[in-house]
PDB file of N, CA and C in Angstrom:
ATOM      1  N   MET A   1      66.345 166.603  32.216  1.00  0.00           N
ATOM      2  CA  MET A   1      65.191 165.550  32.137  1.00  0.00           C
ATOM      3  C   MET A   1      64.132 165.854  32.140  1.00  0.00           C
ATOM      4  N   GLY A   2      63.889 167.168  32.023  1.00  0.00           N
ATOM      5  CA  GLY A   2      62.247 167.750  31.823  1.00  0.00           C
ATOM      6  C   GLY A   2      61.364 167.943  33.388  1.00  0.00           C
ATOM      7  N   ASN A   3      60.245 167.306  33.089  1.00  0.00           N
ATOM      8  CA  ASN A   3      59.259 168.080  34.507  1.00  0.00           C
ATOM      9  C   ASN A   3      59.192 166.426  35.161  1.00  0.00           C
ATOM     10  N   GLY A   4      59.510 165.892  34.631  1.00  0.00           N
ATOM     11  CA  GLY A   4      59.649 164.485  35.411  1.00  0.00           C
ATOM     12  C   GLY A   4      57.708 164.063  35.295  1.00  0.00           C
ATOM     13  N   VAL A   5      57.238 164.815  34.479  1.00  0.00           N
ATOM     14  CA  VAL A   5      56.278 163.607  34.319  1.00  0.00           C
ATOM     15  C   VAL A   5      56.151 162.717  33.199  1.00  0.00           C
ATOM     16  N   GLU A   6      55.275 161.508  32.824  1.00  0.00           N
ATOM     17  CA  GLU A   6      55.499 160.918  31.953  1.00  0.00           C
ATOM     18  C   GLU A   6      53.773 160.253  31.949  1.00  0.00           C
ATOM     19  N   ASP A   7      52.898 160.422  30.913  1.00  0.00           N
ATOM     20  CA  ASP A   7      52.150 160.149  30.470  1.00  0.00           C
ATOM     21  C   ASP A   7      50.855 160.636  31.635  1.00  0.00           C
ATOM     22  N   GLY A   8      51.156 161.835  31.835  1.00  0.00           N
ATOM     23  CA  GLY A   8      50.471 162.482  32.885  1.00  0.00           C
ATOM     24  C   GLY A   8      50.415 161.868  34.583  1.00  0.00           C
ATOM     25  N   LYS A   9      51.648 160.957  34.433  1.00  0.00           N
ATOM     26  CA  LYS A   9      51.870 160.526  35.882  1.00  0.00           C
ATOM     27  C   LYS A   9      53.608 161.386  36.718  1.00  0.00           C
ATOM     28  N   GLU A  10      53.463 161.518  37.610  1.00  0.00           N
ATOM     29  CA  GLU A  10      54.678 161.816  38.181  1.00  0.00           C
ATOM     30  C   GLU A  10      55.731 160.522  38.321  1.00  0.00           C
ATOM     31  N   MET A  11      56.979 160.720  37.627  1.00  0.00           N
ATOM     32  CA  MET A  11      57.817 159.501  36.986  1.00  0.00           C
ATOM     33  C   MET A  11      58.340 159.326  38.522  1.00  0.00           C
ATOM     34  N   SER A  12      58.717 157.897  38.901  1.00  0.00           N
ATOM     35  CA  SER A  12      59.386 157.407  40.056  1.00  0.00           C
ATOM     36  C   SER A  12      60.849 157.354  39.638  1.00  0.00           C
ATOM     37  N   PRO A  13      61.701 157.166  40.765  1.00  0.00           N
ATOM     38  CA  PRO A  13      63.258 157.738  40.472  1.00  0.00           C
ATOM     39  C   PRO A  13      63.602 156.378  39.718  1.00  0.00           C
ATOM     40  N   THR A  14      63.174 155.397  39.690  1.00  0.00           N
ATOM     41  CA  THR A  14      63.210 154.021  38.710  1.00  0.00           C
ATOM     42  C   THR A  14      63.357 154.603  37.641  1.00  0.00           C
ATOM     43  N   SER A  15      61.788 155.163  37.264  1.00  0.00           N
ATOM     44  CA  SER A  15      61.762 155.431  35.510  1.00  0.00           C
ATOM     45  C   SER A  15      62.675 156.540  35.059  1.00  0.00           C
ATOM     46  N   ARG A  16      62.927 157.603  35.875  1.00  0.00           N
ATOM     47  CA  ARG A  16      63.802 158.333  35.785  1.00  0.00           C
ATOM     48  C   ARG A  16      65.096 157.945  35.382  1.00  0.00           C
ATOM     49  N   SER A  17      65.724 157.249  36.008  1.00  0.00           N
ATOM     50  CA  SER A  17      67.151 156.521  36.062  1.00  0.00           C
ATOM     51  C   SER A  17      67.255 155.721  34.723  1.00  0.00           C
ATOM     52  N   LYS A  18      66.086 154.953  34.209  1.00  0.00           N
ATOM     53  CA  LYS A  18      65.711 154.059  33.505  1.00  0.00           C
ATOM     54  C   LYS A  18      66.084 155.026  31.766  1.00  0.00           C
ATOM     55  N   LYS A  19      65.248 156.217  31.893  1.00  0.00           N
ATOM     56  CA  LYS A  19      65.071 156.978  30.799  1.00  0.00           C
ATOM     57  C   LYS A  19      66.742 157.865  30.173  1.00  0.00           C
ATOM     58  N   MET A  20      67.127 158.015  31.850  1.00  0.00           N
ATOM     59  CA  MET A  20      68.618 158.437  31.395  1.00  0.00           C
ATOM     60  C   MET A  20      69.650 157.590  30.935  1.00  0.00           C
ATOM     61  N   LEU A  21      69.881 156.655  31.530  1.00  0.00           N
ATOM     62  CA  LEU A  21      70.598 155.761  30.788  1.00  0.00           C
ATOM     63  C   LEU A  21      70.369 154.445  29.412  1.00  0.00           C
ATOM     64  N   GLU A  22      69.010 155.085  29.403  1.00  0.00           N
ATOM     65  CA  GLU A  22      68.472 154.689  28.003  1.00  0.00           C
ATOM     66  C   GLU A  22      69.148 155.529  27.072  1.00  0.00           C
ATOM     67  N   GLU A  23      69.054 157.229  27.430  1.00  0.00           N
ATOM     68  CA  GLU A  23      69.498 157.868  26.523  1.00  0.00           C
ATOM     69  C   GLU A  23      70.845 157.854  26.487  1.00  0.00           C
ATOM     70  N   ALA A  24      71.864 157.219  27.580  1.00  0.00           N
ATOM     71  CA  ALA A  24      73.084 157.064  27.520  1.00  0.00           C
ATOM     72  C   ALA A  24      73.574 156.115  26.242  1.00  0.00           C
ATOM     73  N   GLY A  25      72.832 155.378  25.931  1.00  0.00           N
ATOM     74  CA  GLY A  25      72.714 154.271  25.291  1.00  0.00           C
ATOM     75  C   GLY A  25      72.790 152.879  25.642  1.00  0.00           C
ATOM     76  N   TYR A  26      72.751 152.598  27.375  1.00  0.00           N
ATOM     77  CA  TYR A  26      72.348 151.561  27.938  1.00  0.00           C
ATOM     78  C   TYR A  26      70.857 150.737  27.268  1.00  0.00           C
ATOM     79  N   GLN A  27      71.255 149.595  27.181  1.00  0.00           N
ATOM     80  CA  GLN A  27      70.274 148.945  27.396  1.00  0.00           C
ATOM     81  C   GLN A  27      69.512 148.654  28.800  1.00  0.00           C
ATOM     82  N   VAL A  28      68.484 148.769  29.211  1.00  0.00           N
ATOM     83  CA  VAL A  28      68.287 148.672  31.009  1.00  0.00           C
ATOM     84  C   VAL A  28      67.145 147.442  30.917  1.00  0.00           C
ATOM     85  N   TRP A  29      67.214 146.962  32.170  1.00  0.00           N
ATOM     86  CA  TRP A  29      65.963 146.465  32.170  1.00  0.00           C
ATOM     87  C   TRP A  29      65.778 146.712  33.759  1.00  0.00           C
ATOM     88  N   ILE A  30      64.294 146.713  33.994  1.00  0.00           N
ATOM     89  CA  ILE A  30      63.777 146.611  35.573  1.00  0.00           C
ATOM     90  C   ILE A  30      63.827 145.545  36.411  1.00  0.00           C
ATOM     91  N   VAL A  31      64.959 145.406  37.211  1.00  0.00           N
ATOM     92  CA  VAL A  31      64.816 143.984  38.096  1.00  0.00           C
ATOM     93  C   VAL A  31      64.553 144.160  39.621  1.00  0.00           C
ATOM     94  N   GLU A  32      63.514 145.161  39.903  1.00  0.00           N
ATOM     95  CA  GLU A  32      63.212 145.344  41.474  1.00  0.00           C
ATOM     96  C   GLU A  32      61.298 144.918  40.888  1.00  0.00           C
ATOM     97  N   HIS A  33      60.913 144.144  41.667  1.00  0.00           N
ATOM     98  CA  HIS A  33      59.404 143.518  41.651  1.00  0.00           C
ATOM     99  C   HIS A  33      58.862 143.911  42.822  1.00  0.00           C
ATOM    100  N   THR A  34      57.343 144.116  42.718  1.00  0.00           N
ATOM    101  CA  THR A  34      56.726 144.247  43.838  1.00  0.00           C
ATOM    102  C   THR A  34      55.902 142.847  43.869  1.00  0.00           C
ATOM    103  N   ILE A  35      56.031 142.206  44.805  1.00  0.00           N
ATOM    104  CA  ILE A  35      55.425 140.940  45.298  1.00  0.00           C
ATOM    105  C   ILE A  35      54.562 141.575  46.386  1.00  0.00           C
ATOM    106  N   ARG A  36      53.019 140.745  46.021  1.00  0.00           N
ATOM    107  CA  ARG A  36      51.856 140.891  46.275  1.00  0.00           C
ATOM    108  C   ARG A  36      51.639 139.821  46.986  1.00  0.00           C
ATOM    109  N   ILE A  37      51.160 139.699  48.828  1.00  0.00           N
ATOM    110  CA  ILE A  37      50.909 138.458  49.183  1.00  0.00           C
ATOM    111  C   ILE A  37      49.615 138.693  50.105  1.00  0.00           C
ATOM    112  N   PRO A  38      48.788 137.906  50.337  1.00  0.00           N
ATOM    113  CA  PRO A  38      47.651 138.255  50.955  1.00  0.00           C
ATOM    114  C   PRO A  38      48.210 139.254  52.333  1.00  0.00           C
ATOM    115  N   GLY A  39      47.556 140.038  52.755  1.00  0.00           N
ATOM    116  CA  GLY A  39      48.312 141.160  53.957  1.00  0.00           C
ATOM    117  C   GLY A  39      49.776 141.444  53.725  1.00  0.00           C
ATOM    118  N   ARG A  40      50.307 141.361  53.185  1.00  0.00           N
ATOM    119  CA  ARG A  40      51.337 142.119  52.981  1.00  0.00           C
ATOM    120  C   ARG A  40      51.940 142.161  51.266  1.00  0.00           C
ATOM    121  N   THR A  41      52.409 143.425  51.034  1.00  0.00           N
ATOM    122  CA  THR A  41      53.205 144.050  49.539  1.00  0.00           C
ATOM    123  C   THR A  41      54.616 144.515  50.195  1.00  0.00           C
ATOM    124  N   PHE A  42      55.412 143.793  49.086  1.00  0.00           N
ATOM    125  CA  PHE A  42      57.112 144.419  49.533  1.00  0.00           C
ATOM    126  C   PHE A  42      57.433 144.644  48.414  1.00  0.00           C
ATOM    127  N   LYS A  43      58.810 145.116  47.912  1.00  0.00           N
ATOM    128  CA  LYS A  43      59.710 145.286  47.079  1.00  0.00           C
ATOM    129  C   LYS A  43      60.589 144.011  46.994  1.00  0.00           C
ATOM    130  N   ARG A  44      61.458 143.409  45.905  1.00  0.00           N
ATOM    131  CA  ARG A  44      62.202 142.639  45.898  1.00  0.00           C
ATOM    132  C   ARG A  44      63.427 143.033  44.829  1.00  0.00           C
ATOM    133  N   ASP A  45      64.753 143.327  45.150  1.00  0.00           N
ATOM    134  CA  ASP A  45      65.755 144.033  44.383  1.00  0.00           C
ATOM    135  C   ASP A  45      66.635 143.121  44.080  1.00  0.00           C
ATOM    136  N   LEU A  46      67.230 143.219  42.661  1.00  0.00           N
ATOM    137  CA  LEU A  46      68.267 142.245  42.154  1.00  0.00           C
ATOM    138  C   LEU A  46      69.457 141.984  43.591  1.00  0.00           C
ATOM    139  N   PHE A  47      69.462 140.863  43.613  1.00  0.00           N
ATOM    140  CA  PHE A  47      70.588 140.850  44.861  1.00  0.00           C
ATOM    141  C   PHE A  47      69.955 141.912  46.189  1.00  0.00           C
ATOM    142  N   ASN A  48      69.147 141.690  46.219  1.00  0.00           N
ATOM    143  CA  ASN A  48      68.745 142.590  47.618  1.00  0.00           C
ATOM    144  C   ASN A  48      69.185 144.033  47.439  1.00  0.00           C
ATOM    145  N   GLY A  49      69.562 144.358  46.386  1.00  0.00           N
ATOM    146  CA  GLY A  49      69.985 146.076  46.294  1.00  0.00           C
ATOM    147  C   GLY A  49      69.711 146.770  45.084  1.00  0.00           C
ATOM    148  N   PHE A  50      69.252 145.916  44.379  1.00  0.00           N
ATOM    149  CA  PHE A  50      69.534 147.112  42.785  1.00  0.00           C
ATOM    150  C   PHE A  50      67.895 147.199  41.732  1.00  0.00           C
ATOM    151  N   ASP A  51      67.676 147.828  41.666  1.00  0.00           N
ATOM    152  CA  ASP A  51      66.360 148.359  40.920  1.00  0.00           C
ATOM    153  C   ASP A  51      66.821 148.238  39.092  1.00  0.00           C
ATOM    154  N   LEU A  52      67.799 148.485  38.479  1.00  0.00           N
ATOM    155  CA  LEU A  52      68.139 148.108  37.556  1.00  0.00           C
ATOM    156  C   LEU A  52      68.986 147.399  37.072  1.00  0.00           C
ATOM    157  N   LEU A  53      69.502 146.864  35.854  1.00  0.00           N
ATOM    158  CA  LEU A  53      70.391 146.216  35.494  1.00  0.00           C
ATOM    159  C   LEU A  53      70.817 146.713  34.104  1.00  0.00           C
ATOM    160  N   CYS A  54      71.679 147.357  33.581  1.00  0.00           N
ATOM    161  CA  CYS A  54      72.145 147.626  32.520  1.00  0.00           C
ATOM    162  C   CYS A  54      73.389 147.182  31.953  1.00  0.00           C
ATOM    163  N   VAL A  55      73.339 146.936  30.418  1.00  0.00           N
ATOM    164  CA  VAL A  55      74.551 146.751  29.873  1.00  0.00           C
ATOM    165  C   VAL A  55      74.842 147.916  28.879  1.00  0.00           C
ATOM    166  N   LYS A  56      76.215 147.923  28.497  1.00  0.00           N
ATOM    167  CA  LYS A  56      76.369 148.714  27.054  1.00  0.00           C
ATOM    168  C   LYS A  56      77.915 148.255  26.740  1.00  0.00           C
ATOM    169  N   ASP A  57      77.813 147.776  25.739  1.00  0.00           N
ATOM    170  CA  ASP A  57      79.336 147.394  25.079  1.00  0.00           C
ATOM    171  C   ASP A  57      79.628 146.674  26.163  1.00  0.00           C
ATOM    172  N   SER A  58      81.060 146.555  27.346  1.00  0.00           N
ATOM    173  CA  SER A  58      81.445 145.155  28.048  1.00  0.00           C
ATOM    174  C   SER A  58      81.270 145.374  29.300  1.00  0.00           C
ATOM    175  N   GLU A  59      80.502 146.537  29.504  1.00  0.00           N
ATOM    176  CA  GLU A  59      79.955 146.717  31.023  1.00  0.00           C
ATOM    177  C   GLU A  59      78.621 146.452  31.677  1.00  0.00           C
ATOM    178  N   THR A  60      78.342 146.035  32.329  1.00  0.00           N
ATOM    179  CA  THR A  60      77.555 145.517  33.062  1.00  0.00           C
ATOM    180  C   THR A  60      77.539 146.577  34.662  1.00  0.00           C
ATOM    181  N   LEU A  61      76.166 147.273  34.456  1.00  0.00           N
ATOM    182  CA  LEU A  61      75.884 148.636  35.357  1.00  0.00           C
ATOM    183  C   LEU A  61      74.716 148.174  36.062  1.00  0.00           C
ATOM    184  N   ALA A  62      74.756 147.974  37.547  1.00  0.00           N
ATOM    185  CA  ALA A  62      73.606 147.613  38.525  1.00  0.00           C
ATOM    186  C   ALA A  62      73.612 148.873  39.293  1.00  0.00           C
ATOM    187  N   VAL A  63      71.772 149.102  39.262  1.00  0.00           N
ATOM    188  CA  VAL A  63      71.915 150.795  40.016  1.00  0.00           C
ATOM    189  C   VAL A  63      70.327 150.710  40.853  1.00  0.00           C
ATOM    190  N   GLN A  64      70.827 151.407  42.041  1.00  0.00           N
ATOM    191  CA  GLN A  64      70.225 151.494  42.962  1.00  0.00           C
ATOM    192  C   GLN A  64      69.045 152.750  42.610  1.00  0.00           C
ATOM    193  N   THR A  65      68.477 153.339  42.633  1.00  0.00           N
ATOM    194  CA  THR A  65      67.662 154.280  42.584  1.00  0.00           C
ATOM    195  C   THR A  65      66.610 155.033  43.886  1.00  0.00           C
ATOM    196  N   THR A  66      66.587 155.841  44.171  1.00  0.00           N
ATOM    197  CA  THR A  66      66.115 156.573  45.648  1.00  0.00           C
ATOM    198  C   THR A  66      65.945 158.312  44.925  1.00  0.00           C
ATOM    199  N   THR A  67      65.317 158.574  45.837  1.00  0.00           N
ATOM    200  CA  THR A  67      65.313 160.314  46.121  1.00  0.00           C
ATOM    201  C   THR A  67      66.415 160.553  46.898  1.00  0.00           C
ATOM    202  N   LEU A  68      67.725 161.962  46.943  1.00  0.00           N
ATOM    203  CA  LEU A  68      68.785 162.079  47.016  1.00  0.00           C
ATOM    204  C   LEU A  68      68.693 162.073  48.360  1.00  0.00           C
ATOM    205  N   ALA A  69      67.292 162.220  49.621  1.00  0.00           N
ATOM    206  CA  ALA A  69      67.411 162.142  50.711  1.00  0.00           C
ATOM    207  C   ALA A  69      67.558 160.562  51.556  1.00  0.00           C
ATOM    208  N   ASN A  70      67.471 160.056  50.297  1.00  0.00           N
ATOM    209  CA  ASN A  70      67.740 158.526  51.059  1.00  0.00           C
ATOM    210  C   ASN A  70      68.905 157.834  50.295  1.00  0.00           C
ATOM    211  N   VAL A  71      69.673 158.738  49.972  1.00  0.00           N
ATOM    212  CA  VAL A  71      70.855 158.185  49.269  1.00  0.00           C
ATOM    213  C   VAL A  71      71.995 157.757  50.065  1.00  0.00           C
ATOM    214  N   GLY A  72      72.099 158.151  51.407  1.00  0.00           N
ATOM    215  CA  GLY A  72      72.924 157.455  52.560  1.00  0.00           C
ATOM    216  C   GLY A  72      72.335 156.274  52.811  1.00  0.00           C
ATOM    217  N   ALA A  73      71.273 155.935  53.063  1.00  0.00           N
ATOM    218  CA  ALA A  73      70.903 154.713  53.514  1.00  0.00           C
ATOM    219  C   ALA A  73      70.895 153.336  52.372  1.00  0.00           C
ATOM    220  N   ARG A  74      70.507 154.103  51.184  1.00  0.00           N
ATOM    221  CA  ARG A  74      70.946 152.962  50.443  1.00  0.00           C
ATOM    222  C   ARG A  74      72.223 152.602  49.854  1.00  0.00           C
ATOM    223  N   ILE A  75      73.527 153.622  50.366  1.00  0.00           N
ATOM    224  CA  ILE A  75      74.739 153.229  50.427  1.00  0.00           C
ATOM    225  C   ILE A  75      74.812 152.486  51.458  1.00  0.00           C
ATOM    226  N   GLN A  76      74.492 152.455  52.675  1.00  0.00           N
ATOM    227  CA  GLN A  76      74.897 151.475  53.479  1.00  0.00           C
ATOM    228  C   GLN A  76      74.019 150.364  53.400  1.00  0.00           C
ATOM    229  N   LYS A  77      73.223 150.328  52.837  1.00  0.00           N
ATOM    230  CA  LYS A  77      72.334 149.132  52.421  1.00  0.00           C
ATOM    231  C   LYS A  77      73.276 148.197  51.233  1.00  0.00           C
ATOM    232  N   LEU A  78      73.906 148.862  50.560  1.00  0.00           N
ATOM    233  CA  LEU A  78      75.011 148.187  49.667  1.00  0.00           C
ATOM    234  C   LEU A  78      76.033 147.727  50.259  1.00  0.00           C
ATOM    235  N   ALA A  79      76.742 148.100  51.360  1.00  0.00           N
ATOM    236  CA  ALA A  79      77.878 148.180  52.171  1.00  0.00           C
ATOM    237  C   ALA A  79      77.706 146.944  52.859  1.00  0.00           C
ATOM    238  N   ASP A  80      76.501 147.108  53.168  1.00  0.00           N
ATOM    239  CA  ASP A  80      76.265 146.043  54.031  1.00  0.00           C
ATOM    240  C   ASP A  80      75.719 144.655  53.353  1.00  0.00           C
ATOM    241  N   ASN A  81      75.587 144.658  51.960  1.00  0.00           N
ATOM    242  CA  ASN A  81      74.747 143.623  51.270  1.00  0.00           C
ATOM    243  C   ASN A  81      76.161 142.465  51.248  1.00  0.00           C
ATOM    244  N   LYS A  82      75.493 141.321  51.443  1.00  0.00           N
ATOM    245  CA  LYS A  82      76.428 139.739  51.067  1.00  0.00           C
ATOM    246  C   LYS A  82      76.880 139.883  49.853  1.00  0.00           C
ATOM    247  N   TYR A  83      75.613 140.054  48.702  1.00  0.00           N
ATOM    248  CA  TYR A  83      76.278 140.060  47.002  1.00  0.00           C
ATOM    249  C   TYR A  83      77.137 140.767  46.609  1.00  0.00           C
ATOM    250  N   VAL A  84      77.350 142.131  47.167  1.00  0.00           N
ATOM    251  CA  VAL A  84      77.956 143.205  46.279  1.00  0.00           C
ATOM    252  C   VAL A  84      79.564 142.798  46.433  1.00  0.00           C
ATOM    253  N   PRO A  85      80.241 141.822  47.468  1.00  0.00           N
ATOM    254  CA  PRO A  85      81.664 141.646  46.967  1.00  0.00           C
ATOM    255  C   PRO A  85      81.924 140.810  45.930  1.00  0.00           C
ATOM    256  N   TYR A  86      80.842 139.717  45.780  1.00  0.00           N
ATOM    257  CA  TYR A  86      80.647 139.203  44.278  1.00  0.00           C
ATOM    258  C   TYR A  86      80.746 139.637  43.094  1.00  0.00           C
ATOM    259  N   LEU A  87      79.941 140.484  42.953  1.00  0.00           N
ATOM    260  CA  LEU A  87      79.483 141.738  41.976  1.00  0.00           C
ATOM    261  C   LEU A  87      80.906 142.146  41.510  1.00  0.00           C
ATOM    262  N   ARG A  88      81.425 142.807  42.777  1.00  0.00           N
ATOM    263  CA  ARG A  88      82.777 143.416  42.104  1.00  0.00           C
ATOM    264  C   ARG A  88      83.407 142.661  41.870  1.00  0.00           C
ATOM    265  N   ARG A  89      83.752 141.567  42.371  1.00  0.00           N
ATOM    266  CA  ARG A  89      84.854 140.733  41.447  1.00  0.00           C
ATOM    267  C   ARG A  89      84.252 140.217  40.233  1.00  0.00           C
ATOM    268  N   ALA A  90      83.254 139.799  39.845  1.00  0.00           N
ATOM    269  CA  ALA A  90      82.794 139.812  38.480  1.00  0.00           C
ATOM    270  C   ALA A  90      83.002 141.114  37.635  1.00  0.00           C
ATOM    271  N   GLY A  91      83.374 142.503  38.001  1.00  0.00           N
ATOM    272  CA  GLY A  91      83.513 143.165  37.163  1.00  0.00           C
ATOM    273  C   GLY A  91      82.707 144.637  37.351  1.00  0.00           C
ATOM    274  N   TRP A  92      81.550 144.050  37.679  1.00  0.00           N
ATOM    275  CA  TRP A  92      80.161 144.758  37.492  1.00  0.00           C
ATOM    276  C   TRP A  92      80.275 146.668  37.995  1.00  0.00           C
ATOM    277  N   THR A  93      79.919 147.279  37.445  1.00  0.00           N
ATOM    278  CA  THR A  93      79.767 148.993  38.046  1.00  0.00           C
ATOM    279  C   THR A  93      78.270 148.684  38.629  1.00  0.00           C
ATOM    280  N   MET A  94      78.458 149.693  39.992  1.00  0.00           N
ATOM    281  CA  MET A  94      77.309 149.441  40.847  1.00  0.00           C
ATOM    282  C   MET A  94      77.594 151.057  41.527  1.00  0.00           C
ATOM    283  N   LYS A  95      76.375 151.883  40.966  1.00  0.00           N
ATOM    284  CA  LYS A  95      75.921 153.062  41.123  1.00  0.00           C
ATOM    285  C   LYS A  95      74.566 153.351  42.175  1.00  0.00           C
ATOM    286  N   VAL A  96      74.426 154.300  42.681  1.00  0.00           N
ATOM    287  CA  VAL A  96      73.215 154.442  43.620  1.00  0.00           C
ATOM    288  C   VAL A  96      72.565 156.086  42.825  1.00  0.00           C
ATOM    289  N   HIS A  97      71.545 156.335  42.073  1.00  0.00           N
ATOM    290  CA  HIS A  97      70.991 157.212  41.583  1.00  0.00           C
ATOM    291  C   HIS A  97      69.942 158.305  42.928  1.00  0.00           C
ATOM    292  N   GLY A  98      70.658 159.504  43.075  1.00  0.00           N
ATOM    293  CA  GLY A  98      70.022 160.408  43.821  1.00  0.00           C
ATOM    294  C   GLY A  98      69.251 161.183  43.353  1.00  0.00           C
ATOM    295  N   TRP A  99      67.820 161.132  43.220  1.00  0.00           N
ATOM    296  CA  TRP A  99      66.885 162.071  42.733  1.00  0.00           C
ATOM    297  C   TRP A  99      66.501 163.063  43.532  1.00  0.00           C
ATOM    298  N   ARG A 100      66.333 164.411  42.756  1.00  0.00           N
ATOM    299  CA  ARG A 100      65.812 165.703  43.419  1.00  0.00           C
ATOM    300  C   ARG A 100      65.324 166.537  42.355  1.00  0.00           C
ATOM    301  N   THR A 101      64.886 167.755  42.611  1.00  0.00           N
ATOM    302  CA  THR A 101      63.770 168.618  41.654  1.00  0.00           C
ATOM    303  C   THR A 101      64.751 169.903  42.077  1.00  0.00           C
ATOM    304  N   LEU A 102      64.882 170.568  41.164  1.00  0.00           N
ATOM    305  CA  LEU A 102      65.456 172.068  41.141  1.00  0.00           C
ATOM    306  C   LEU A 102      64.312 172.840  40.578  1.00  0.00           C
ATOM    307  N   LYS A 103      64.556 174.130  40.975  1.00  0.00           N
ATOM    308  CA  LYS A 103      63.266 174.841  40.652  1.00  0.00           C
ATOM    309  C   LYS A 103      64.039 175.352  39.106  1.00  0.00           C
ATOM    310  N   LYS A 104      64.981 175.618  38.899  1.00  0.00           N
ATOM    311  CA  LYS A 104      64.877 176.240  37.539  1.00  0.00           C
ATOM    312  C   LYS A 104      65.429 175.171  36.435  1.00  0.00           C
ATOM    313  N   THR A 105      65.601 173.994  36.891  1.00  0.00           N
ATOM    314  CA  THR A 105      66.056 173.162  35.979  1.00  0.00           C
ATOM    315  C   THR A 105      65.611 171.922  35.644  1.00  0.00           C
ATOM    316  N   GLY A 106      64.454 171.380  36.704  1.00  0.00           N
ATOM    317  CA  GLY A 106      63.733 170.022  36.851  1.00  0.00           C
ATOM    318  C   GLY A 106      64.810 169.102  37.729  1.00  0.00           C
ATOM    319  N   TRP A 107      64.335 168.120  37.534  1.00  0.00           N
ATOM    320  CA  TRP A 107      64.558 166.932  37.846  1.00  0.00           C
ATOM    321  C   TRP A 107      66.495 166.324  37.654  1.00  0.00           C
ATOM    322  N   THR A 108      67.074 166.138  38.781  1.00  0.00           N
ATOM    323  CA  THR A 108      68.270 165.969  38.239  1.00  0.00           C
ATOM    324  C   THR A 108      69.033 164.823  39.398  1.00  0.00           C
ATOM    325  N   ALA A 109      70.115 164.261  38.878  1.00  0.00           N
ATOM    326  CA  ALA A 109      70.211 162.856  39.417  1.00  0.00           C
ATOM    327  C   ALA A 109      71.604 163.356  40.218  1.00  0.00           C
ATOM    328  N   LYS A 110      71.945 162.820  41.298  1.00  0.00           N
ATOM    329  CA  LYS A 110      73.397 162.583  42.248  1.00  0.00           C
ATOM    330  C   LYS A 110      73.825 161.327  41.842  1.00  0.00           C
ATOM    331  N   VAL A 111      74.900 161.171  40.928  1.00  0.00           N
ATOM    332  CA  VAL A 111      75.098 159.638  40.634  1.00  0.00           C
ATOM    333  C   VAL A 111      76.728 159.217  41.918  1.00  0.00           C
ATOM    334  N   ILE A 112      76.288 158.229  42.298  1.00  0.00           N
ATOM    335  CA  ILE A 112      77.396 158.207  43.059  1.00  0.00           C
ATOM    336  C   ILE A 112      77.893 156.650  42.840  1.00  0.00           C
ATOM    337  N   ASP A 113      79.213 156.278  42.171  1.00  0.00           N
ATOM    338  CA  ASP A 113      79.795 154.879  42.161  1.00  0.00           C
ATOM    339  C   ASP A 113      80.233 154.155  43.275  1.00  0.00           C
ATOM    340  N   VAL A 114      79.330 153.306  43.690  1.00  0.00           N
ATOM    341  CA  VAL A 114      79.826 152.354  44.667  1.00  0.00           C
ATOM    342  C   VAL A 114      80.541 150.760  44.391  1.00  0.00           C
ATOM    343  N   SER A 115      81.377 150.954  43.131  1.00  0.00           N
ATOM    344  CA  SER A 115      81.865 149.691  42.689  1.00  0.00           C
ATOM    345  C   SER A 115      82.658 149.209  43.395  1.00  0.00           C
TER     346      SER A 115
END
């Protein structure tokens, strides 16, 4: 994945996952949005759990991206998510990407299938 820098800025886990998935042939759309209202800023994910929506051939893939340290919390968030059973019945693939940097090889993702 290289040094994790794009246009002189540190890449977010979402940007890293998007790049990795596009290189694997997926069409990828960022579906996490930052909501800004007076006195409050927060993120809203697709179905309260996913940052990326991807398609490739007949597969629909939803991805939650985070740092490796937060993977457990994100898996629990999806386990508690009321929409996940509906997505499973619809045949969606669901994954969590946990990013970390390694001294010798740079950024790498641990990918956990939660489908």
